[in-house]
Amino acid sequence: MIDDLWYKNAVIYCVDVKTFMDANGDGVGDLEGLVRRLDYLAGLGVTAIWLLPINPSPRRDDGYDITDFYGVDPQIGTLGDFVDFTHEAKKHGIRVLMDLVVNHTSDQHPWFKSARSSPDSKYRDWYVWSKTKPRDAHQGMVFPGVQDSTWTYDAKAREYYFHRFYDFQPDLDTSNPEVRVELQRIVGFWLQLGVAGFRMDAVPFVIQKKGAGVVHTEQYGHLTALRNFLQWRTGDAILLAEANVMPEKNLDFFGDEADRLHMMFNFLVNQNAFYALATADVRPLARAIERTHVGLDECQWANFMRNNDELDLGRLSAKQRKRVFAELAPEPRMQLYHRGIRRRLASMFNGDRRRLELAYSLLFTLPGTPVLRYGDEIGMGDDLSLKERSAARTPMQWSTEPQAGFSLAKKTILPVIDQGPFGYQKVNVAAQRRDPNSLLNWTERIIRARKECLEIGWGKPRVLKTDSPRVLALRYDWRGNAVVVLHNFDARAQSVTFGAGPSGRGELINLLTEDHSRADGRGQHHVELEGYGYRWYRVDGLDYILKRTR
């Protein structure tokens, strides 16, 4: 049992250390640079930092091909630097989450090198082998169009090895008890260094049975065992899972008694949110919110607009996906893996501030905990000349100084965006800090408002009926308090009528402006929403009751 549900009202900020801030001038971001920016993140309102992979790696897949689970990539620092970072983050009131990538290793990992060297190796059974190429080798690929098989022949081992991802990322056999014990050692090691939890990569694959001719069924008991170990070691540490599963499986991953994962990313809501942002039709999004309601106090969704990968639209129908592509990624070079978009949000909206505010207002008011990606707070763009996912992974833009203030080096790990409307000369932190009307300062204010609305993080969500399919209305109730939020996904103004519930028959107090709303004699509210407009209201039912009894 976890002893502190801090994540229910957290604001999580996703950082790639290598592209955030370079302190030593070698062109690669580092932990020392991240420490220097903790004041900035604390001022923004961040309460938890999620670090993308920091382990040693050949970097053929942006660090997800790991060669040492107990080390730090020397390009970004040392274990000592990491401990210093977690210590400084704690002083700023910020927890640290790190990526736990244990579905596979790099093919350069000492374990795999030993495994392929001899069938008698201790590590041979830590991976998944087959003497012949399985019939289903061309099914279940994570990167269609780039990857052509899930089984690759190794000449030294004289067998095929299984890899759900790229061929240089052989899968670990997580059904092997020795592998599971090692996974716990890894978790325990980083907890001891100050980590407050883990974002688990590819969780459905981690817990699946693997092998030639094997039905890839999930073994949920592995999650229960890991959760028990985690809570035993550190009472308030959490597991945040990347698990793009359908709603009927949600409880399998959370656990009927909330004894598995603490949090999962809500991919179904995310994808339907982008359908709404592209088409102004909120009905599929409303259904997705209702379908993913869990109702277990310890369980929480994590919501995001964009993450470090492509925007995955695989849960949408082909027709829906086509409409989103047409609106937000009309050129083939903007799309990836036949299912996703490799652009940042600001460029998808052509820099339209109204649409950006709508999207981030939605992010901070969806059921669950908001996850903001580095650079989103200033509206960074992308570089489509870069390969695959790298287009949206460019360095943070801090100022108008050379290399956007990210580094003093002439060449950086990825090129800084220096051309067009999203070039660092126009989009950077320094300029926006000086502008009270900037997206950065708006984001800081919306984060403050979100942290004051405990109902959203803790309360029960309910979709309210409106007379417009363009407007999403949500209500949250918690401990006798309630919040109502409205979002107009249409470019045109909408006049919307809705009932806010029994205690919302009086006045709705606007939390962002002076535009309050009083119900009519039938208990209905009538609100004028400008194009891409949004409202956050606190339900003032108690005030209404007192006035009626005077």
Protein backbone atom coordinates (compact mmCIF):
# COMPACT_ATOMS: atom_id res chain seq x y z
CA MET A 1 0.00 0.00 0.00
CA ILE A 2 1.46 3.35 -1.04
CA ASP A 3 1.60 5.86 1.83
CA ASP A 4 1.43 9.14 -0.14
CA LEU A 5 -0.69 9.71 -3.26
CA TRP A 6 1.39 12.74 -4.28
CA TYR A 7 1.02 11.92 -7.97
CA LYS A 8 -2.73 12.63 -7.92
CA ASN A 9 -2.12 16.38 -8.07
CA ALA A 10 1.35 16.49 -9.63
CA VAL A 11 2.58 18.40 -12.66
CA ILE A 12 5.09 16.20 -14.51
CA TYR A 13 7.69 17.68 -16.88
CA CYS A 14 9.40 15.36 -19.38
CA VAL A 15 13.10 16.09 -19.98
CA ASP A 16 15.67 14.64 -22.33
CA VAL A 17 18.87 15.55 -20.47
CA LYS A 18 20.92 15.40 -23.68
CA THR A 19 18.90 18.16 -25.36
CA PHE A 20 17.93 20.34 -22.38
CA MET A 21 20.99 22.28 -21.20
CA ASP A 22 24.70 21.80 -21.88
CA ALA A 23 26.89 23.01 -19.00
CA ASN A 24 30.33 21.86 -20.18
CA GLY A 25 30.17 23.05 -23.79
CA ASP A 26 30.56 19.70 -25.56
CA GLY A 27 27.28 20.03 -27.48
CA VAL A 28 25.40 17.49 -25.36
CA GLY A 29 23.07 18.38 -22.51
CA ASP A 30 24.11 17.10 -19.10
CA LEU A 31 22.98 16.66 -15.52
CA GLU A 32 24.87 19.74 -14.37
CA GLY A 33 22.99 21.79 -16.95
CA LEU A 34 19.69 20.34 -15.74
CA VAL A 35 20.57 21.30 -12.15
CA ARG A 36 21.13 24.87 -13.33
CA ARG A 37 17.59 24.95 -14.70
CA LEU A 38 15.81 23.61 -11.61
CA ASP A 39 14.93 27.16 -10.52
CA TYR A 40 13.22 27.68 -13.87
CA LEU A 41 11.23 24.44 -13.56
CA ALA A 42 10.23 25.13 -9.96
CA GLY A 43 9.09 28.62 -10.98
CA LEU A 44 7.01 27.13 -13.78
CA GLY A 45 5.20 24.99 -11.21
CA VAL A 46 6.68 21.59 -12.02
CA THR A 47 6.46 19.07 -9.16
CA ALA A 48 8.04 16.02 -10.84
CA ILE A 49 10.63 15.56 -13.59
CA TRP A 50 10.47 12.52 -15.84
CA LEU A 51 13.91 11.78 -17.29
CA LEU A 52 14.15 10.02 -20.64
CA PRO A 53 16.82 7.27 -20.73
CA ILE A 54 20.08 8.30 -19.05
CA ASN A 55 21.92 4.95 -19.11
CA PRO A 56 25.01 4.19 -21.23
CA SER A 57 23.98 3.35 -24.78
CA PRO A 58 25.26 3.20 -28.38
CA ARG A 59 22.33 5.60 -29.00
CA ARG A 60 20.99 3.84 -32.09
CA ASP A 61 17.49 4.40 -30.64
CA ASP A 62 17.89 7.62 -28.67
CA GLY A 63 19.11 5.80 -25.57
CA TYR A 64 16.50 3.04 -25.47
CA ASP A 65 19.21 0.54 -26.45
CA ILE A 66 20.92 0.22 -23.06
CA THR A 67 24.30 -1.36 -22.34
CA ASP A 68 24.40 -0.82 -18.56
CA PHE A 69 21.30 -0.53 -16.36
CA TYR A 70 23.38 0.59 -13.38
CA GLY A 71 25.26 3.45 -14.98
CA VAL A 72 24.87 6.96 -16.37
CA ASP A 73 25.81 7.83 -19.93
CA PRO A 74 29.24 9.51 -19.57
CA GLN A 75 28.11 12.19 -22.03
CA ILE A 76 25.65 13.53 -19.46
CA GLY A 77 27.60 12.92 -16.25
CA THR A 78 28.37 10.40 -13.54
CA LEU A 79 26.44 8.58 -10.83
CA GLY A 80 27.69 11.28 -8.47
CA ASP A 81 26.21 13.95 -10.73
CA PHE A 82 22.92 12.06 -10.71
CA VAL A 83 22.81 11.92 -6.90
CA ASP A 84 23.60 15.64 -6.80
CA PHE A 85 20.72 16.27 -9.23
CA THR A 86 18.17 14.26 -7.21
CA HIS A 87 19.31 16.05 -4.05
CA GLU A 88 18.94 19.49 -5.63
CA ALA A 89 15.57 18.56 -7.16
CA LYS A 90 14.31 17.55 -3.71
CA LYS A 91 15.40 20.92 -2.32
CA HIS A 92 13.24 22.53 -5.03
CA GLY A 93 10.24 20.39 -4.08
CA ILE A 94 10.57 18.31 -7.26
CA ARG A 95 10.49 14.52 -7.43
CA VAL A 96 12.43 12.57 -10.05
CA LEU A 97 11.04 9.79 -12.25
CA MET A 98 13.31 7.89 -14.62
CA ASP A 99 12.73 5.65 -17.60
CA LEU A 100 12.79 1.93 -16.82
CA VAL A 101 13.56 0.24 -20.15
CA VAL A 102 13.69 -3.48 -19.38
CA ASN A 103 11.85 -5.10 -22.27
CA HIS A 104 15.14 -5.38 -24.13
CA THR A 105 18.81 -4.46 -24.06
CA SER A 106 21.26 -3.25 -26.67
CA ASP A 107 22.92 -6.02 -28.67
CA GLN A 108 26.14 -4.51 -27.28
CA HIS A 109 25.11 -5.22 -23.67
CA PRO A 110 27.56 -7.62 -21.93
CA TRP A 111 24.62 -9.93 -21.16
CA PHE A 112 23.76 -10.39 -24.83
CA LYS A 113 27.40 -10.66 -25.89
CA SER A 114 27.81 -13.50 -23.40
CA ALA A 115 24.47 -15.07 -24.38
CA ARG A 116 25.38 -15.31 -28.06
CA SER A 117 28.89 -16.59 -27.35
CA SER A 118 27.82 -19.99 -26.01
CA PRO A 119 24.68 -22.03 -25.27
CA ASP A 120 26.24 -22.67 -21.85
CA SER A 121 26.42 -18.98 -20.97
CA LYS A 122 24.61 -17.90 -17.81
CA TYR A 123 22.81 -15.29 -19.89
CA ARG A 124 21.70 -17.52 -22.76
CA ASP A 125 18.28 -18.05 -21.18
CA TRP A 126 17.95 -14.34 -20.39
CA TYR A 127 16.99 -13.82 -24.04
CA VAL A 128 14.50 -15.48 -26.40
CA TRP A 129 15.86 -17.87 -29.05
CA SER A 130 14.66 -20.17 -31.82
CA LYS A 131 16.64 -22.61 -33.96
CA THR A 132 14.41 -21.85 -36.95
CA LYS A 133 12.75 -18.65 -38.06
CA PRO A 134 9.18 -18.64 -36.68
CA ARG A 135 6.28 -18.30 -39.11
CA ASP A 136 5.02 -15.16 -37.40
CA ALA A 137 8.35 -13.33 -37.72
CA HIS A 138 6.76 -10.58 -39.81
CA GLN A 139 3.95 -9.87 -37.36
CA GLY A 140 3.79 -7.66 -34.28
CA MET A 141 6.45 -5.18 -35.37
CA VAL A 142 6.52 -1.90 -33.43
CA PHE A 143 7.99 0.11 -36.32
CA PRO A 144 6.24 -0.97 -39.54
CA GLY A 145 7.82 0.51 -42.62
CA VAL A 146 11.19 0.71 -40.88
CA GLN A 147 11.37 -2.73 -39.23
CA ASP A 148 10.76 -5.89 -41.33
CA SER A 149 10.91 -8.71 -38.77
CA THR A 150 10.76 -9.57 -35.07
CA TRP A 151 13.28 -12.42 -35.39
CA THR A 152 16.88 -12.04 -36.55
CA TYR A 153 19.52 -14.71 -37.15
CA ASP A 154 22.72 -14.42 -35.14
CA ALA A 155 25.63 -16.16 -36.86
CA LYS A 156 27.62 -16.54 -33.66
CA ALA A 157 24.79 -18.07 -31.65
CA ARG A 158 23.53 -19.97 -34.71
CA GLU A 159 19.98 -19.21 -33.67
CA TYR A 160 17.33 -16.58 -34.21
CA TYR A 161 16.67 -14.10 -31.42
CA PHE A 162 13.42 -12.27 -30.75
CA HIS A 163 13.15 -8.47 -30.79
CA ARG A 164 9.84 -6.64 -30.58
CA PHE A 165 11.65 -3.43 -31.57
CA TYR A 166 14.74 -2.93 -33.76
CA ASP A 167 17.07 -5.85 -34.50
CA PHE A 168 19.78 -4.28 -32.30
CA GLN A 169 17.43 -4.50 -29.30
CA PRO A 170 17.08 -8.20 -28.33
CA ASP A 171 14.20 -8.87 -25.95
CA LEU A 172 14.85 -10.10 -22.43
CA ASP A 173 12.91 -13.19 -21.40
CA THR A 174 11.01 -11.64 -18.50
CA SER A 175 9.39 -15.00 -17.74
CA ASN A 176 12.79 -16.11 -16.48
CA PRO A 177 12.87 -15.74 -12.64
CA GLU A 178 16.51 -14.65 -12.76
CA VAL A 179 15.62 -11.79 -15.12
CA ARG A 180 12.80 -10.66 -12.85
CA VAL A 181 15.12 -10.65 -9.84
CA GLU A 182 17.59 -8.56 -11.83
CA LEU A 183 14.82 -6.13 -12.73
CA GLN A 184 14.12 -5.67 -9.00
CA ARG A 185 17.81 -5.05 -8.37
CA ILE A 186 17.77 -2.32 -11.01
CA VAL A 187 14.72 -0.70 -9.42
CA GLY A 188 16.22 -0.92 -5.93
CA PHE A 189 19.52 0.57 -7.10
CA TRP A 190 17.94 3.75 -8.50
CA LEU A 191 15.53 4.12 -5.59
CA GLN A 192 18.56 4.21 -3.33
CA LEU A 193 19.94 7.11 -5.40
CA GLY A 194 16.87 9.26 -4.86
CA VAL A 195 14.41 8.29 -7.60
CA ALA A 196 10.71 8.69 -6.71
CA GLY A 197 9.41 6.32 -9.36
CA PHE A 198 9.71 4.95 -12.87
CA ARG A 199 8.09 5.42 -16.22
CA MET A 200 8.04 1.83 -17.45
CA ASP A 201 8.60 1.49 -21.17
CA ALA A 202 6.48 -0.89 -23.27
CA VAL A 203 4.82 -2.57 -20.28
CA PRO A 204 2.53 -4.99 -22.22
CA PHE A 205 5.62 -6.42 -23.93
CA VAL A 206 7.60 -6.58 -20.68
CA ILE A 207 5.05 -8.88 -19.03
CA GLN A 208 4.23 -11.05 -22.06
CA LYS A 209 5.24 -14.65 -22.51
CA LYS A 210 7.76 -14.76 -25.36
CA GLY A 211 9.06 -17.40 -27.69
CA ALA A 212 8.58 -19.23 -30.98
CA GLY A 213 5.05 -20.57 -31.23
CA VAL A 214 4.10 -19.07 -27.85
CA VAL A 215 0.88 -17.15 -27.36
CA HIS A 216 1.99 -13.73 -26.18
CA THR A 217 -0.27 -13.50 -23.14
CA GLU A 218 0.33 -10.98 -20.36
CA GLN A 219 1.55 -12.22 -16.98
CA TYR A 220 0.07 -9.59 -14.68
CA GLY A 221 1.52 -11.19 -11.57
CA HIS A 222 4.88 -9.74 -12.60
CA LEU A 223 3.44 -6.25 -12.06
CA THR A 224 2.07 -7.18 -8.63
CA ALA A 225 5.46 -8.53 -7.55
CA LEU A 226 7.27 -5.43 -8.82
CA ARG A 227 4.76 -3.14 -7.08
CA ASN A 228 5.22 -5.00 -3.79
CA PHE A 229 8.99 -4.71 -4.07
CA LEU A 230 8.78 -1.01 -4.92
CA GLN A 231 6.50 -0.18 -2.00
CA TRP A 232 8.61 -2.26 0.37
CA ARG A 233 11.75 -0.35 -0.60
CA THR A 234 10.21 3.15 -0.83
CA GLY A 235 6.69 3.71 0.45
CA ASP A 236 5.74 6.57 -1.89
CA ALA A 237 7.52 5.52 -5.11
CA ILE A 238 5.34 4.93 -8.18
CA LEU A 239 5.15 3.04 -11.47
CA LEU A 240 3.92 5.05 -14.46
CA ALA A 241 3.33 2.75 -17.42
CA GLU A 242 3.45 3.17 -21.14
CA ALA A 243 0.65 0.72 -21.92
CA ASN A 244 -1.41 1.49 -25.00
CA VAL A 245 -4.23 -0.94 -24.21
CA MET A 246 -7.98 -0.96 -24.68
CA PRO A 247 -10.28 0.01 -21.75
CA GLU A 248 -11.36 -3.55 -21.02
CA LYS A 249 -7.76 -4.29 -19.97
CA ASN A 250 -7.26 -1.25 -17.74
CA LEU A 251 -8.05 -3.06 -14.50
CA ASP A 252 -5.70 -5.89 -15.48
CA PHE A 253 -2.84 -3.39 -15.43
CA PHE A 254 -3.98 -1.28 -12.47
CA GLY A 255 -5.12 -4.36 -10.54
CA ASP A 256 -8.63 -4.98 -9.21
CA GLU A 257 -7.33 -3.97 -5.79
CA ALA A 258 -5.05 -1.19 -7.15
CA ASP A 259 -2.03 -3.38 -6.41
CA ARG A 260 -0.19 -3.19 -9.73
CA LEU A 261 0.50 0.04 -11.60
CA HIS A 262 -0.10 3.40 -9.96
CA MET A 263 -0.43 5.30 -13.23
CA MET A 264 -0.82 4.72 -16.96
CA PHE A 265 -0.72 7.09 -19.89
CA ASN A 266 -4.21 7.47 -21.33
CA PHE A 267 -3.56 6.82 -25.01
CA LEU A 268 -7.23 6.36 -25.89
CA VAL A 269 -8.16 9.80 -24.56
CA ASN A 270 -5.05 11.33 -26.14
CA GLN A 271 -5.84 10.04 -29.61
CA ASN A 272 -9.49 11.04 -29.42
CA ALA A 273 -8.46 14.44 -28.11
CA PHE A 274 -6.48 14.97 -31.31
CA TYR A 275 -9.44 13.83 -33.34
CA ALA A 276 -11.49 16.51 -31.57
CA LEU A 277 -8.76 19.11 -32.09
CA ALA A 278 -8.67 18.28 -35.79
CA THR A 279 -12.43 17.98 -36.48
CA ALA A 280 -14.17 19.91 -33.65
CA ASP A 281 -16.25 16.78 -32.93
CA VAL A 282 -16.00 16.09 -29.19
CA ARG A 283 -18.29 13.07 -29.04
CA PRO A 284 -15.60 10.36 -29.48
CA LEU A 285 -13.47 12.13 -26.86
CA ALA A 286 -16.37 12.20 -24.40
CA ARG A 287 -16.90 8.47 -24.92
CA ALA A 288 -13.19 7.79 -24.42
CA ILE A 289 -13.23 9.68 -21.11
CA GLU A 290 -16.22 7.68 -19.93
CA ARG A 291 -14.76 4.37 -21.10
CA THR A 292 -11.48 4.92 -19.26
CA HIS A 293 -12.94 5.86 -15.88
CA VAL A 294 -11.45 3.46 -13.33
CA GLY A 295 -12.74 4.57 -9.94
CA LEU A 296 -9.89 3.24 -7.77
CA ASP A 297 -8.47 5.87 -5.43
CA GLU A 298 -4.83 4.83 -5.82
CA CYS A 299 -4.96 4.63 -9.62
CA GLN A 300 -4.42 7.62 -11.87
CA TRP A 301 -4.24 8.43 -15.56
CA ALA A 302 -1.38 10.49 -16.95
CA ASN A 303 -2.44 12.81 -19.77
CA PHE A 304 -0.25 14.34 -22.44
CA MET A 305 -0.51 16.27 -25.68
CA ARG A 306 2.82 15.21 -27.13
CA ASN A 307 5.53 12.87 -25.90
CA ASN A 308 9.01 12.09 -27.15
CA ASP A 309 7.76 9.62 -29.76
CA GLU A 310 5.46 10.08 -32.72
CA LEU A 311 1.86 11.05 -32.01
CA ASP A 312 0.37 7.55 -32.21
CA LEU A 313 -3.12 7.47 -33.79
CA GLY A 314 -3.35 3.69 -34.05
CA ARG A 315 -6.49 3.45 -31.90
CA LEU A 316 -8.48 5.63 -34.28
CA SER A 317 -10.32 4.18 -37.25
CA ALA A 318 -8.67 4.54 -40.65
CA LYS A 319 -11.24 7.21 -41.55
CA GLN A 320 -10.63 9.15 -38.35
CA ARG A 321 -6.85 8.90 -38.74
CA LYS A 322 -7.11 10.20 -42.31
CA ARG A 323 -9.01 13.26 -41.09
CA VAL A 324 -6.41 14.01 -38.42
CA PHE A 325 -3.60 13.62 -40.94
CA ALA A 326 -5.37 15.95 -43.36
CA GLU A 327 -5.68 18.68 -40.72
CA LEU A 328 -2.48 18.34 -38.70
CA ALA A 329 0.03 16.46 -40.90
CA PRO A 330 -1.05 16.77 -44.54
CA GLU A 331 2.37 15.94 -46.03
CA PRO A 332 3.73 12.36 -46.03
CA ARG A 333 7.03 13.58 -44.49
CA MET A 334 5.05 14.69 -41.43
CA GLN A 335 3.76 11.15 -40.83
CA LEU A 336 5.49 8.07 -39.44
CA TYR A 337 4.99 4.29 -39.20
CA HIS A 338 1.67 4.54 -41.09
CA ARG A 339 -0.03 5.52 -37.82
CA GLY A 340 1.55 8.63 -36.35
CA ILE A 341 2.63 12.24 -36.66
CA ARG A 342 6.22 13.35 -36.05
CA ARG A 343 5.51 17.03 -35.38
CA ARG A 344 5.31 19.14 -32.25
CA LEU A 345 1.98 20.63 -31.25
CA ALA A 346 2.81 24.26 -32.09
CA SER A 347 3.74 23.43 -35.67
CA MET A 348 0.67 21.21 -36.08
CA PHE A 349 -1.40 24.31 -35.25
CA ASN A 350 0.79 26.62 -37.36
CA GLY A 351 1.58 28.59 -34.23
CA ASP A 352 -2.08 29.51 -33.60
CA ARG A 353 -2.06 30.70 -29.98
CA ARG A 354 -5.80 30.12 -29.56
CA ARG A 355 -5.51 26.45 -30.47
CA LEU A 356 -2.43 25.98 -28.31
CA GLU A 357 -4.19 27.43 -25.29
CA LEU A 358 -7.23 25.24 -25.96
CA ALA A 359 -5.07 22.10 -26.19
CA TYR A 360 -3.12 22.83 -23.01
CA SER A 361 -6.21 23.95 -21.10
CA LEU A 362 -7.68 20.58 -22.07
CA LEU A 363 -4.49 18.79 -20.97
CA PHE A 364 -4.64 20.34 -17.51
CA THR A 365 -8.34 19.55 -17.03
CA LEU A 366 -8.60 15.97 -18.30
CA PRO A 367 -9.17 13.27 -15.64
CA GLY A 368 -5.74 12.52 -14.22
CA THR A 369 -2.30 14.12 -13.99
CA PRO A 370 -0.87 16.42 -16.69
CA VAL A 371 2.49 15.61 -18.32
CA LEU A 372 4.18 18.51 -20.10
CA ARG A 373 7.07 17.94 -22.50
CA TYR A 374 10.13 20.19 -22.47
CA GLY A 375 9.66 23.14 -24.81
CA ASP A 376 5.88 22.85 -24.91
CA GLU A 377 5.60 25.78 -22.52
CA ILE A 378 7.12 28.12 -25.11
CA GLY A 379 5.60 26.54 -28.23
CA MET A 380 8.70 24.95 -29.77
CA GLY A 381 8.46 23.58 -33.30
CA ASP A 382 10.12 20.71 -35.17
CA ASP A 383 12.74 20.03 -37.83
CA LEU A 384 11.32 17.67 -40.45
CA SER A 385 14.72 17.34 -42.13
CA LEU A 386 15.78 15.10 -39.24
CA LYS A 387 15.21 11.35 -39.30
CA GLU A 388 12.05 9.75 -37.90
CA ARG A 389 11.30 10.82 -34.31
CA SER A 390 14.31 13.13 -34.10
CA ALA A 391 12.26 15.81 -35.86
CA ALA A 392 10.55 16.67 -32.56
CA ARG A 393 13.58 16.12 -30.31
CA THR A 394 15.62 19.26 -31.00
CA PRO A 395 17.46 21.14 -28.21
CA MET A 396 15.64 23.44 -25.80
CA GLN A 397 15.52 27.06 -26.92
CA TRP A 398 16.61 29.26 -24.01
CA SER A 399 17.60 32.56 -25.62
CA THR A 400 18.69 34.39 -28.78
CA GLU A 401 22.33 33.54 -28.08
CA PRO A 402 24.11 31.17 -30.50
CA GLN A 403 22.75 27.61 -30.32
CA ALA A 404 19.67 29.04 -28.58
CA GLY A 405 21.61 29.31 -25.31
CA PHE A 406 21.58 25.51 -25.10
CA SER A 407 25.33 25.08 -25.64
CA LEU A 408 28.56 26.96 -26.37
CA ALA A 409 29.63 24.25 -28.82
CA LYS A 410 29.61 24.89 -32.55
CA LYS A 411 27.91 21.54 -33.15
CA THR A 412 25.19 20.12 -30.93
CA ILE A 413 23.81 16.60 -30.49
CA LEU A 414 20.90 17.59 -32.74
CA PRO A 415 20.75 20.86 -34.64
CA VAL A 416 18.94 23.75 -32.97
CA ILE A 417 15.99 25.11 -34.96
CA ASP A 418 17.29 28.39 -36.39
CA GLN A 419 14.98 29.04 -39.33
CA GLY A 420 11.32 29.87 -39.84
CA PRO A 421 8.59 30.90 -37.39
CA PHE A 422 9.81 28.45 -34.74
CA GLY A 423 13.48 29.38 -34.91
CA TYR A 424 15.11 30.17 -31.58
CA GLN A 425 15.41 33.85 -32.50
CA LYS A 426 11.60 34.06 -32.28
CA VAL A 427 10.72 31.27 -29.83
CA ASN A 428 12.80 31.16 -26.65
CA VAL A 429 12.48 31.28 -22.88
CA ALA A 430 14.28 34.59 -22.29
CA ALA A 431 12.02 36.62 -24.57
CA GLN A 432 8.85 35.01 -23.25
CA ARG A 433 9.78 35.56 -19.62
CA ARG A 434 9.84 39.31 -20.32
CA ASP A 435 6.45 39.26 -22.06
CA PRO A 436 3.53 39.04 -19.59
CA ASN A 437 1.25 37.82 -22.42
CA SER A 438 3.60 35.08 -23.64
CA LEU A 439 2.70 31.39 -23.85
CA LEU A 440 5.30 30.69 -21.13
CA ASN A 441 3.67 33.05 -18.64
CA TRP A 442 0.21 31.79 -19.61
CA THR A 443 1.40 28.22 -18.93
CA GLU A 444 2.74 29.21 -15.51
CA ARG A 445 -0.64 30.72 -14.62
CA ILE A 446 -2.60 27.70 -15.89
CA ILE A 447 -0.35 25.35 -13.88
CA ARG A 448 -1.01 27.41 -10.76
CA ALA A 449 -4.76 27.24 -11.42
CA ARG A 450 -4.58 23.48 -11.98
CA LYS A 451 -2.73 22.88 -8.72
CA GLU A 452 -5.45 24.79 -6.90
CA CYS A 453 -8.16 22.58 -8.45
CA LEU A 454 -7.65 19.44 -6.38
CA GLU A 455 -11.00 18.19 -7.67
CA ILE A 456 -9.47 17.46 -11.09
CA GLY A 457 -6.66 15.31 -9.72
CA TRP A 458 -8.65 13.62 -6.98
CA GLY A 459 -12.31 13.87 -7.92
CA LYS A 460 -14.80 11.83 -9.87
CA PRO A 461 -15.17 13.04 -13.48
CA ARG A 462 -18.49 13.31 -15.28
CA VAL A 463 -19.21 14.39 -18.85
CA LEU A 464 -22.01 16.97 -18.83
CA LYS A 465 -24.59 17.11 -21.60
CA THR A 466 -24.54 20.23 -23.76
CA ASP A 467 -26.50 21.29 -26.81
CA SER A 468 -23.36 21.47 -28.96
CA PRO A 469 -21.22 18.58 -30.29
CA ARG A 470 -18.38 21.12 -30.54
CA VAL A 471 -18.14 21.76 -26.80
CA LEU A 472 -16.83 19.36 -24.16
CA ALA A 473 -18.13 19.97 -20.64
CA LEU A 474 -16.66 18.10 -17.65
CA ARG A 475 -17.50 18.22 -13.97
CA TYR A 476 -15.33 16.98 -11.09
CA ASP A 477 -16.62 16.34 -7.56
CA TRP A 478 -14.43 15.81 -4.52
CA ARG A 479 -15.17 16.22 -0.80
CA GLY A 480 -18.21 18.42 -1.31
CA ASN A 481 -16.50 20.68 -3.85
CA ALA A 482 -16.91 20.74 -7.61
CA VAL A 483 -15.25 22.19 -10.70
CA VAL A 484 -16.76 22.51 -14.20
CA VAL A 485 -14.65 23.06 -17.33
CA LEU A 486 -15.77 23.87 -20.88
CA HIS A 487 -13.81 23.66 -24.13
CA ASN A 488 -14.97 24.82 -27.56
CA PHE A 489 -13.09 22.90 -30.25
CA ASP A 490 -14.59 24.93 -33.09
CA ALA A 491 -12.93 27.96 -34.69
CA ARG A 492 -16.31 29.63 -34.57
CA ALA A 493 -17.98 30.96 -31.43
CA GLN A 494 -20.46 28.65 -29.74
CA SER A 495 -23.43 29.52 -27.56
CA VAL A 496 -23.78 26.53 -25.28
CA THR A 497 -26.48 25.52 -22.80
CA PHE A 498 -25.85 22.93 -20.11
CA GLY A 499 -26.81 21.86 -16.62
CA ALA A 500 -23.97 21.84 -14.10
CA GLY A 501 -25.61 19.38 -11.71
CA PRO A 502 -27.67 19.70 -8.51
CA SER A 503 -25.21 21.98 -6.69
CA GLY A 504 -24.50 23.94 -9.84
CA ARG A 505 -27.94 25.54 -10.10
CA GLY A 506 -26.59 28.79 -8.67
CA GLU A 507 -23.46 30.63 -9.78
CA LEU A 508 -20.39 29.21 -11.52
CA ILE A 509 -17.33 31.22 -10.46
CA ASN A 510 -14.81 31.66 -13.29
CA LEU A 511 -11.33 30.76 -12.08
CA LEU A 512 -9.47 32.45 -14.93
CA THR A 513 -11.45 35.65 -15.66
CA GLU A 514 -14.39 37.68 -14.32
CA ASP A 515 -16.84 35.93 -16.65
CA HIS A 516 -19.07 34.13 -14.13
CA SER A 517 -22.28 32.26 -15.03
CA ARG A 518 -25.62 32.20 -13.18
CA ALA A 519 -28.19 29.50 -13.90
CA ASP A 520 -31.63 30.42 -15.22
CA GLY A 521 -34.90 29.46 -13.53
CA ARG A 522 -34.62 25.92 -14.91
CA GLY A 523 -31.12 25.43 -13.53
CA GLN A 524 -29.50 25.76 -16.97
CA HIS A 525 -26.37 27.77 -17.74
CA HIS A 526 -25.94 29.70 -21.00
CA VAL A 527 -22.33 30.49 -21.90
CA GLU A 528 -20.90 32.24 -24.96
CA LEU A 529 -17.59 30.62 -25.93
CA GLU A 530 -15.37 32.33 -28.46
CA GLY A 531 -13.66 30.24 -31.13
CA TYR A 532 -11.32 27.76 -29.39
CA GLY A 533 -12.52 29.22 -26.09
CA TYR A 534 -12.36 27.56 -22.66
CA ARG A 535 -13.72 28.22 -19.17
CA TRP A 536 -12.78 26.89 -15.74
CA TYR A 537 -15.52 27.27 -13.13
CA ARG A 538 -15.85 26.47 -9.46
CA VAL A 539 -19.36 25.43 -8.53
CA ASP A 540 -20.64 27.86 -5.90
CA GLY A 541 -23.60 25.79 -4.73
CA LEU A 542 -23.14 26.66 -1.05
CA ASP A 543 -23.31 30.38 -1.84
CA TYR A 544 -26.50 29.76 -3.82
CA ILE A 545 -28.15 27.89 -0.92
CA LEU A 546 -27.24 30.61 1.60
CA LYS A 547 -28.70 33.35 -0.61
CA ARG A 548 -31.96 31.41 -1.04
CA THR A 549 -32.40 31.02 2.74
CA ARG A 550 -31.81 34.69 3.67
